[in-house]
C-alpha atoms as a PDB file:
ATOM      1  CA  MET A   1       4.839   3.575   6.972  1.00  0.00           C
ATOM      2  CA  LYS A   2       5.384   3.195   3.245  1.00  0.00           C
ATOM      3  CA  LYS A   3       8.310   5.305   1.975  1.00  0.00           C
ATOM      4  CA  SER A   4       9.354   6.173  -1.570  1.00  0.00           C
ATOM      5  CA  ALA A   5      11.117   8.932  -3.480  1.00  0.00           C
ATOM      6  CA  ALA A   6       8.873  11.679  -4.797  1.00  0.00           C
ATOM      7  CA  GLU A   7       8.683  11.678  -8.576  1.00  0.00           C
ATOM      8  CA  ILE A   8       8.914  15.285  -9.727  1.00  0.00           C
ATOM      9  CA  ILE A   9       7.130  15.459 -13.083  1.00  0.00           C
ATOM     10  CA  ARG A  10       7.703  19.110 -13.888  1.00  0.00           C
ATOM     11  CA  GLU A  11       9.022  22.367 -12.470  1.00  0.00           C
ATOM     12  CA  TYR A  12       7.268  25.684 -13.105  1.00  0.00           C
ATOM     13  CA  GLY A  13       8.915  29.079 -12.778  1.00  0.00           C
ATOM     14  CA  PRO A  14      10.444  31.065 -11.377  1.00  0.00           C
ATOM     15  CA  PHE A  15       7.873  33.652 -12.418  1.00  0.00           C
ATOM     16  CA  PRO A  16       8.279  37.408 -12.898  1.00  0.00           C
ATOM     17  CA  GLY A  17       7.598  39.229  -9.640  1.00  0.00           C
ATOM     18  CA  VAL A  18       7.307  36.018  -7.604  1.00  0.00           C
ATOM     19  CA  ASP A  19      10.236  35.672  -5.212  1.00  0.00           C
ATOM     20  CA  LYS A  20       8.606  33.227  -2.804  1.00  0.00           C
ATOM     21  CA  VAL A  21       5.697  30.781  -2.986  1.00  0.00           C
ATOM     22  CA  GLY A  22       3.839  30.461   0.314  1.00  0.00           C
ATOM     23  CA  GLY A  23       0.805  28.432  -0.774  1.00  0.00           C
ATOM     24  CA  VAL A  24      -0.827  26.878  -3.844  1.00  0.00           C
ATOM     25  CA  THR A  25      -4.263  25.843  -5.052  1.00  0.00           C
ATOM     26  CA  TYR A  26      -5.871  24.725  -8.310  1.00  0.00           C
ATOM     27  CA  ASP A  27      -9.193  25.946  -9.717  1.00  0.00           C
ATOM     28  CA  GLY A  28      -9.444  23.348 -12.481  1.00  0.00           C
ATOM     29  CA  GLN A  29      -7.724  25.587 -15.024  1.00  0.00           C
ATOM     30  CA  GLN A  30      -5.096  27.673 -13.264  1.00  0.00           C
ATOM     31  CA  VAL A  31      -2.676  27.058 -10.403  1.00  0.00           C
ATOM     32  CA  TRP A  32      -2.711  29.947  -7.922  1.00  0.00           C
ATOM     33  CA  MET A  33       0.329  30.878  -5.815  1.00  0.00           C
ATOM     34  CA  ALA A  34       0.554  32.973  -2.660  1.00  0.00           C
ATOM     35  CA  ALA A  35       3.370  35.418  -3.415  1.00  0.00           C
ATOM     36  CA  GLY A  36       3.444  37.758  -0.434  1.00  0.00           C
ATOM     37  CA  ASP A  37       1.719  40.889  -1.702  1.00  0.00           C
ATOM     38  CA  LYS A  38      -0.303  39.172  -4.404  1.00  0.00           C
ATOM     39  CA  LEU A  39      -1.943  35.992  -5.641  1.00  0.00           C
ATOM     40  CA  ALA A  40      -0.488  34.948  -8.985  1.00  0.00           C
ATOM     41  CA  SER A  41      -1.658  32.203 -11.335  1.00  0.00           C
ATOM     42  CA  PHE A  42      -0.240  30.148 -14.174  1.00  0.00           C
ATOM     43  CA  ASP A  43      -1.457  27.639 -16.743  1.00  0.00           C
ATOM     44  CA  PRO A  44      -0.131  24.173 -15.744  1.00  0.00           C
ATOM     45  CA  ALA A  45      -0.239  22.980 -19.363  1.00  0.00           C
ATOM     46  CA  SER A  46       1.956  25.731 -20.813  1.00  0.00           C
ATOM     47  CA  GLY A  47       3.642  26.954 -17.628  1.00  0.00           C
ATOM     48  CA  ASN A  48       2.856  30.548 -18.622  1.00  0.00           C
ATOM     49  CA  ALA A  49       1.817  33.182 -16.093  1.00  0.00           C
ATOM     50  CA  VAL A  50      -1.861  34.126 -16.464  1.00  0.00           C
ATOM     51  CA  ARG A  51      -2.839  36.858 -14.022  1.00  0.00           C
ATOM     52  CA  SER A  52      -2.407  38.264 -10.524  1.00  0.00           C
ATOM     53  CA  ILE A  53      -4.569  39.741  -7.780  1.00  0.00           C
ATOM     54  CA  ASP A  54      -3.227  42.466  -5.487  1.00  0.00           C
ATOM     55  CA  VAL A  55      -4.050  41.007  -2.092  1.00  0.00           C
ATOM     56  CA  ALA A  56      -1.984  39.976   0.932  1.00  0.00           C
ATOM     57  CA  ALA A  57      -1.001  36.318   0.420  1.00  0.00           C
ATOM     58  CA  HIS A  58       1.479  34.994   2.965  1.00  0.00           C
ATOM     59  CA  ALA A  59       0.735  31.281   3.383  1.00  0.00           C
ATOM     60  CA  GLY A  60      -1.877  28.658   2.412  1.00  0.00           C
ATOM     61  CA  THR A  61      -4.322  29.073  -0.480  1.00  0.00           C
ATOM     62  CA  ALA A  62      -7.541  27.159  -1.223  1.00  0.00           C
ATOM     63  CA  PHE A  63     -10.408  27.092  -3.741  1.00  0.00           C
ATOM     64  CA  ASP A  64     -13.989  26.007  -2.966  1.00  0.00           C
ATOM     65  CA  GLY A  65     -15.239  25.799  -6.551  1.00  0.00           C
ATOM     66  CA  ARG A  66     -16.155  29.483  -6.633  1.00  0.00           C
ATOM     67  CA  HIS A  67     -13.962  31.517  -4.270  1.00  0.00           C
ATOM     68  CA  LEU A  68     -10.315  31.639  -3.313  1.00  0.00           C
ATOM     69  CA  PHE A  69      -9.324  31.528   0.350  1.00  0.00           C
ATOM     70  CA  GLN A  70      -5.994  32.989   1.385  1.00  0.00           C
ATOM     71  CA  ILE A  71      -4.036  33.137   4.637  1.00  0.00           C
ATOM     72  CA  ALA A  72      -2.722  36.651   5.310  1.00  0.00           C
ATOM     73  CA  GLU A  73      -0.835  36.984   8.610  1.00  0.00           C
ATOM     74  CA  ASP A  74      -3.387  36.039  11.316  1.00  0.00           C
ATOM     75  CA  ARG A  75      -6.500  35.922   9.139  1.00  0.00           C
ATOM     76  CA  ILE A  76      -8.081  33.990   6.257  1.00  0.00           C
ATOM     77  CA  GLN A  77      -9.543  36.037   3.417  1.00  0.00           C
ATOM     78  CA  LYS A  78     -12.359  34.945   1.112  1.00  0.00           C
ATOM     79  CA  ILE A  79     -11.682  36.387  -2.344  1.00  0.00           C
ATOM     80  CA  ASP A  80     -13.724  36.760  -5.518  1.00  0.00           C
ATOM     81  CA  PRO A  81     -11.258  35.578  -8.196  1.00  0.00           C
ATOM     82  CA  ASP A  82     -13.009  37.590 -10.923  1.00  0.00           C
ATOM     83  CA  SER A  83     -12.905  40.996  -9.247  1.00  0.00           C
ATOM     84  CA  GLY A  84     -10.089  40.339  -6.775  1.00  0.00           C
ATOM     85  CA  ARG A  85     -12.252  41.767  -3.999  1.00  0.00           C
ATOM     86  CA  VAL A  86     -11.986  40.446  -0.438  1.00  0.00           C
ATOM     87  CA  LEU A  87     -15.538  39.392   0.450  1.00  0.00           C
ATOM     88  CA  ALA A  88     -15.048  38.256   4.043  1.00  0.00           C
ATOM     89  CA  THR A  89     -12.376  37.618   6.645  1.00  0.00           C
ATOM     90  CA  ILE A  90     -12.166  35.113   9.508  1.00  0.00           C
ATOM     91  CA  PRO A  91      -9.442  34.606  12.133  1.00  0.00           C
ATOM     92  CA  ALA A  92      -6.825  31.972  11.342  1.00  0.00           C
ATOM     93  CA  PRO A  93      -6.610  29.287  14.053  1.00  0.00           C
ATOM     94  CA  GLY A  94      -2.851  29.611  14.502  1.00  0.00           C
ATOM     95  CA  GLY A  95      -2.938  33.359  15.037  1.00  0.00           C
ATOM     96  CA  GLY A  96      -0.183  33.954  12.493  1.00  0.00           C
ATOM     97  CA  GLY A  97       1.556  30.573  12.716  1.00  0.00           C
ATOM     98  CA  ASP A  98      -0.637  29.081   9.999  1.00  0.00           C
ATOM     99  CA  SER A  99       0.602  27.210   6.951  1.00  0.00           C
ATOM    100  CA  GLY A 100      -1.300  25.227   4.388  1.00  0.00           C
ATOM    101  CA  LEU A 101      -4.962  25.574   3.464  1.00  0.00           C
ATOM    102  CA  ALA A 102      -7.415  23.212   1.775  1.00  0.00           C
ATOM    103  CA  TRP A 103     -11.147  23.038   1.075  1.00  0.00           C
ATOM    104  CA  ALA A 104     -13.072  19.795   1.603  1.00  0.00           C
ATOM    105  CA  GLU A 105     -16.316  18.658   3.202  1.00  0.00           C
ATOM    106  CA  GLY A 106     -17.633  22.229   3.038  1.00  0.00           C
ATOM    107  CA  THR A 107     -14.949  23.384   5.456  1.00  0.00           C
ATOM    108  CA  LEU A 108     -11.423  24.746   5.502  1.00  0.00           C
ATOM    109  CA  TRP A 109      -8.463  22.658   6.669  1.00  0.00           C
ATOM    110  CA  VAL A 110      -5.651  24.777   8.049  1.00  0.00           C
ATOM    111  CA  GLY A 111      -2.117  23.689   8.860  1.00  0.00           C
ATOM    112  CA  GLN A 112      -0.418  25.098  11.944  1.00  0.00           C
ATOM    113  CA  TYR A 113       3.290  24.960  11.230  1.00  0.00           C
ATOM    114  CA  ARG A 114       5.349  24.657  14.411  1.00  0.00           C
ATOM    115  CA  GLU A 115       2.483  23.236  16.465  1.00  0.00           C
ATOM    116  CA  ARG A 116       2.319  20.325  14.006  1.00  0.00           C
ATOM    117  CA  LYS A 117      -1.462  20.405  13.714  1.00  0.00           C
ATOM    118  CA  ILE A 118      -4.191  20.502  11.089  1.00  0.00           C
ATOM    119  CA  HIS A 119      -7.449  22.202  12.056  1.00  0.00           C
ATOM    120  CA  GLN A 120     -10.844  21.756  10.430  1.00  0.00           C
ATOM    121  CA  VAL A 121     -12.392  25.233  10.460  1.00  0.00           C
ATOM    122  CA  ASP A 122     -15.865  26.670   9.871  1.00  0.00           C
ATOM    123  CA  PRO A 123     -15.426  28.938   6.814  1.00  0.00           C
ATOM    124  CA  GLN A 124     -18.117  31.338   8.038  1.00  0.00           C
ATOM    125  CA  THR A 125     -16.926  31.935  11.613  1.00  0.00           C
ATOM    126  CA  GLY A 126     -13.385  30.568  11.877  1.00  0.00           C
ATOM    127  CA  ALA A 127     -14.460  28.246  14.690  1.00  0.00           C
ATOM    128  CA  ILE A 128     -12.241  25.162  15.058  1.00  0.00           C
ATOM    129  CA  LEU A 129     -14.348  22.032  14.512  1.00  0.00           C
ATOM    130  CA  ARG A 130     -11.605  19.487  15.212  1.00  0.00           C
ATOM    131  CA  THR A 131      -7.838  19.188  15.329  1.00  0.00           C
ATOM    132  CA  ILE A 132      -5.469  16.523  14.017  1.00  0.00           C
ATOM    133  CA  GLU A 133      -2.056  16.132  15.672  1.00  0.00           C
ATOM    134  CA  CYS A 134       0.824  15.513  13.241  1.00  0.00           C
ATOM    135  CA  SER A 135       4.366  14.281  13.836  1.00  0.00           C
ATOM    136  CA  ARG A 136       6.116  16.827  11.605  1.00  0.00           C
ATOM    137  CA  PHE A 137       5.854  20.516  10.750  1.00  0.00           C
ATOM    138  CA  VAL A 138       2.885  21.167   8.443  1.00  0.00           C
ATOM    139  CA  THR A 139       3.654  23.257   5.346  1.00  0.00           C
ATOM    140  CA  GLY A 140       0.710  22.408   3.088  1.00  0.00           C
ATOM    141  CA  VAL A 141      -2.578  20.492   3.193  1.00  0.00           C
ATOM    142  CA  THR A 142      -4.752  18.759   0.585  1.00  0.00           C
ATOM    143  CA  TRP A 143      -7.515  16.146   0.340  1.00  0.00           C
ATOM    144  CA  ILE A 144      -7.912  13.747  -2.590  1.00  0.00           C
ATOM    145  CA  ASP A 145     -10.169  10.671  -2.845  1.00  0.00           C
ATOM    146  CA  GLY A 146     -10.641  10.505   0.915  1.00  0.00           C
ATOM    147  CA  GLU A 147      -6.899  10.793   1.575  1.00  0.00           C
ATOM    148  CA  LEU A 148      -5.437  13.590   3.696  1.00  0.00           C
ATOM    149  CA  TRP A 149      -1.922  14.665   2.666  1.00  0.00           C
ATOM    150  CA  HIS A 150       0.314  17.339   4.086  1.00  0.00           C
ATOM    151  CA  GLY A 151       3.699  18.782   3.214  1.00  0.00           C
ATOM    152  CA  THR A 152       6.612  18.975   5.635  1.00  0.00           C
ATOM    153  CA  TRP A 153       9.814  20.996   5.573  1.00  0.00           C
ATOM    154  CA  GLU A 154      12.379  20.900   8.366  1.00  0.00           C
ATOM    155  CA  GLY A 155      15.952  22.001   7.672  1.00  0.00           C
ATOM    156  CA  GLU A 156      17.047  20.529   4.336  1.00  0.00           C
ATOM    157  CA  GLU A 157      14.472  17.707   4.434  1.00  0.00           C
ATOM    158  CA  SER A 158      10.944  17.822   3.078  1.00  0.00           C
ATOM    159  CA  ASP A 159       8.336  15.301   2.036  1.00  0.00           C
ATOM    160  CA  LEU A 160       4.655  14.717   1.316  1.00  0.00           C
ATOM    161  CA  ARG A 161       2.824  12.605   3.886  1.00  0.00           C
ATOM    162  CA  ARG A 162      -0.477  10.788   3.743  1.00  0.00           C
ATOM    163  CA  ILE A 163      -1.871  10.605   7.259  1.00  0.00           C
ATOM    164  CA  ASP A 164      -4.762   8.958   9.026  1.00  0.00           C
ATOM    165  CA  PRO A 165      -7.350  11.773   9.270  1.00  0.00           C
ATOM    166  CA  HIS A 166      -8.482  10.555  12.679  1.00  0.00           C
ATOM    167  CA  THR A 167      -5.211   9.799  14.457  1.00  0.00           C
ATOM    168  CA  GLY A 168      -2.656  11.805  12.483  1.00  0.00           C
ATOM    169  CA  GLU A 169      -0.519   8.684  12.050  1.00  0.00           C
ATOM    170  CA  ALA A 170       1.726   8.867   8.989  1.00  0.00           C
ATOM    171  CA  LEU A 171       0.748   6.119   6.508  1.00  0.00           C
ATOM    172  CA  GLU A 172       2.845   7.012   3.477  1.00  0.00           C
ATOM    173  CA  ARG A 173       5.774   9.292   2.740  1.00  0.00           C
ATOM    174  CA  LEU A 174       7.082  10.717  -0.554  1.00  0.00           C
ATOM    175  CA  GLU A 175      10.597  12.057   0.053  1.00  0.00           C
ATOM    176  CA  MET A 176      11.589  15.174  -1.887  1.00  0.00           C
ATOM    177  CA  PRO A 177      15.203  15.587  -3.056  1.00  0.00           C
ATOM    178  CA  ALA A 178      17.622  17.119  -0.536  1.00  0.00           C
ATOM    179  CA  GLY A 179      17.373  20.888  -0.436  1.00  0.00           C
ATOM    180  CA  VAL A 180      13.960  21.013  -2.151  1.00  0.00           C
ATOM    181  CA  GLY A 181      11.362  22.538   0.179  1.00  0.00           C
ATOM    182  CA  VAL A 182       7.577  22.244   0.216  1.00  0.00           C
ATOM    183  CA  SER A 183       5.551  25.367   1.002  1.00  0.00           C
ATOM    184  CA  GLY A 184       1.985  24.735  -0.070  1.00  0.00           C
ATOM    185  CA  LEU A 185       0.346  21.566  -1.381  1.00  0.00           C
ATOM    186  CA  GLU A 186      -2.636  20.898  -3.634  1.00  0.00           C
ATOM    187  CA  SER A 187      -3.964  17.963  -5.641  1.00  0.00           C
ATOM    188  CA  ASP A 188      -5.036  18.476  -9.231  1.00  0.00           C
ATOM    189  CA  GLY A 189      -7.950  16.120  -8.566  1.00  0.00           C
ATOM    190  CA  GLY A 190      -6.143  13.312 -10.369  1.00  0.00           C
ATOM    191  CA  ASP A 191      -2.643  11.886 -10.502  1.00  0.00           C
ATOM    192  CA  GLN A 192      -0.440  14.737  -9.347  1.00  0.00           C
ATOM    193  CA  PHE A 193       0.232  17.228  -6.584  1.00  0.00           C
ATOM    194  CA  PHE A 194       1.318  20.843  -6.963  1.00  0.00           C
ATOM    195  CA  CYS A 195       3.972  21.815  -4.396  1.00  0.00           C
ATOM    196  CA  GLY A 196       5.102  25.342  -3.606  1.00  0.00           C
ATOM    197  CA  GLY A 197       8.873  25.708  -3.580  1.00  0.00           C
ATOM    198  CA  GLY A 198       9.390  28.434  -0.982  1.00  0.00           C
ATOM    199  CA  ASN A 199      12.205  30.882  -1.725  1.00  0.00           C
ATOM    200  CA  SER A 200      12.953  29.220  -5.069  1.00  0.00           C
ATOM    201  CA  GLY A 201       9.875  30.928  -6.489  1.00  0.00           C
ATOM    202  CA  LYS A 202       8.985  27.663  -8.217  1.00  0.00           C
ATOM    203  CA  VAL A 203       6.067  25.227  -8.149  1.00  0.00           C
ATOM    204  CA  ARG A 204       6.723  21.526  -8.695  1.00  0.00           C
ATOM    205  CA  ALA A 205       4.331  18.852  -9.925  1.00  0.00           C
ATOM    206  CA  VAL A 206       4.795  15.531  -8.086  1.00  0.00           C
ATOM    207  CA  ARG A 207       3.206  12.276  -9.177  1.00  0.00           C
ATOM    208  CA  ARG A 208       0.582  10.943  -6.802  1.00  0.00           C
ATOM    209  CA  PRO A 209       0.795   7.197  -6.021  1.00  0.00           C
ATOM    210  CA  ARG A 210      -1.845   5.188  -7.834  1.00  0.00           C
ATOM    211  CA  ARG A 211      -4.739   3.670  -5.923  1.00  0.00           C
ATOM    212  CA  GLY A 212      -6.189   1.263  -8.484  1.00  0.00           C
ATOM    213  CA  ALA A 213      -9.634   2.278  -9.748  1.00  0.00           C
ATOM    214  CA  ALA A 214      -9.870   5.167  -7.296  1.00  0.00           C
ATOM    215  CA  ALA A 215      -6.817   6.929  -8.695  1.00  0.00           C
ATOM    216  CA  GLY A 216      -7.513   9.733 -11.114  1.00  0.00           C
ATOM    217  CA  SER A 217     -11.225   9.867 -10.402  1.00  0.00           C
ATOM    218  CA  GLY A 218     -10.947  13.578  -9.700  1.00  0.00           C
ATOM    219  CA  SER A 219     -13.018  13.492  -6.503  1.00  0.00           C
ATOM    220  CA  ALA A 220     -11.790  15.140  -3.325  1.00  0.00           C
ATOM    221  CA  SER A 221     -13.235  14.150   0.012  1.00  0.00           C
ATOM    222  CA  ALA A 222     -12.563  14.527   3.687  1.00  0.00           C
ATOM    223  CA  GLY A 223     -13.666  10.981   4.392  1.00  0.00           C
ATOM    224  CA  SER A 224     -17.110   9.433   4.580  1.00  0.00           C
ATOM    225  CA  ALA A 225     -18.538  12.134   6.831  1.00  0.00           C
ATOM    226  CA  GLY A 226     -19.409  14.420   3.904  1.00  0.00           C
ATOM    227  CA  LYS A 227     -18.909  15.432   0.312  1.00  0.00           C
ATOM    228  CA  ALA A 228     -16.271  17.838  -0.887  1.00  0.00           C
ATOM    229  CA  ALA A 229     -16.936  20.803  -3.104  1.00  0.00           C
ATOM    230  CA  LYS A 230     -16.752  20.077  -6.809  1.00  0.00           C
ATOM    231  CA  ARG A 231     -14.020  21.842  -8.686  1.00  0.00           C
ATOM    232  CA  SER A 232     -15.032  24.165 -11.469  1.00  0.00           C
END
């Protein structure tokens, strides 16, 4: 497994009214954070807070190009970002032990923290389509250019891991500084990741390792089996 130190490009926050970040996603313009009793967003260029939605938001957050998806206790909510209305709800596969949420291949990818698993889930029914076994706790999930990455956080150690989407084998590891946690992970579609910072109330941008011509193409895919949703 390739190992290197994570390069933190920028820190955002803490933000007013955000004591803890439990999940992050990116809609092409704003970064959204799960902040317990609300979803809050900020502009990654300026770092300024933009808006918030009053909805339960305890763990992973995802965006499918049109809607936000948010883990709240033992369920996943589908949210209209314009009105803030919850449009639908499905059961979360971990029954409350869920962490990390991503959208790719027309499906949701849900981390299950202590069970060290990532589930591919039908966004309409919540049915588990397949499960990937991981070697560490899962605290965030994202797909970028056919690569599956997840965050880990155990004790004072955390990192970002690229894993084989079929076997769960860790292929690459970006080690975060000691004491810096990862709670939520999302790619910006290019050369950086957004990482939730747990109780710090911060979000950190981490440089994504380059992959030659593929790097920075902005596409997100869950492998050759299908196409991911385009970001707005």
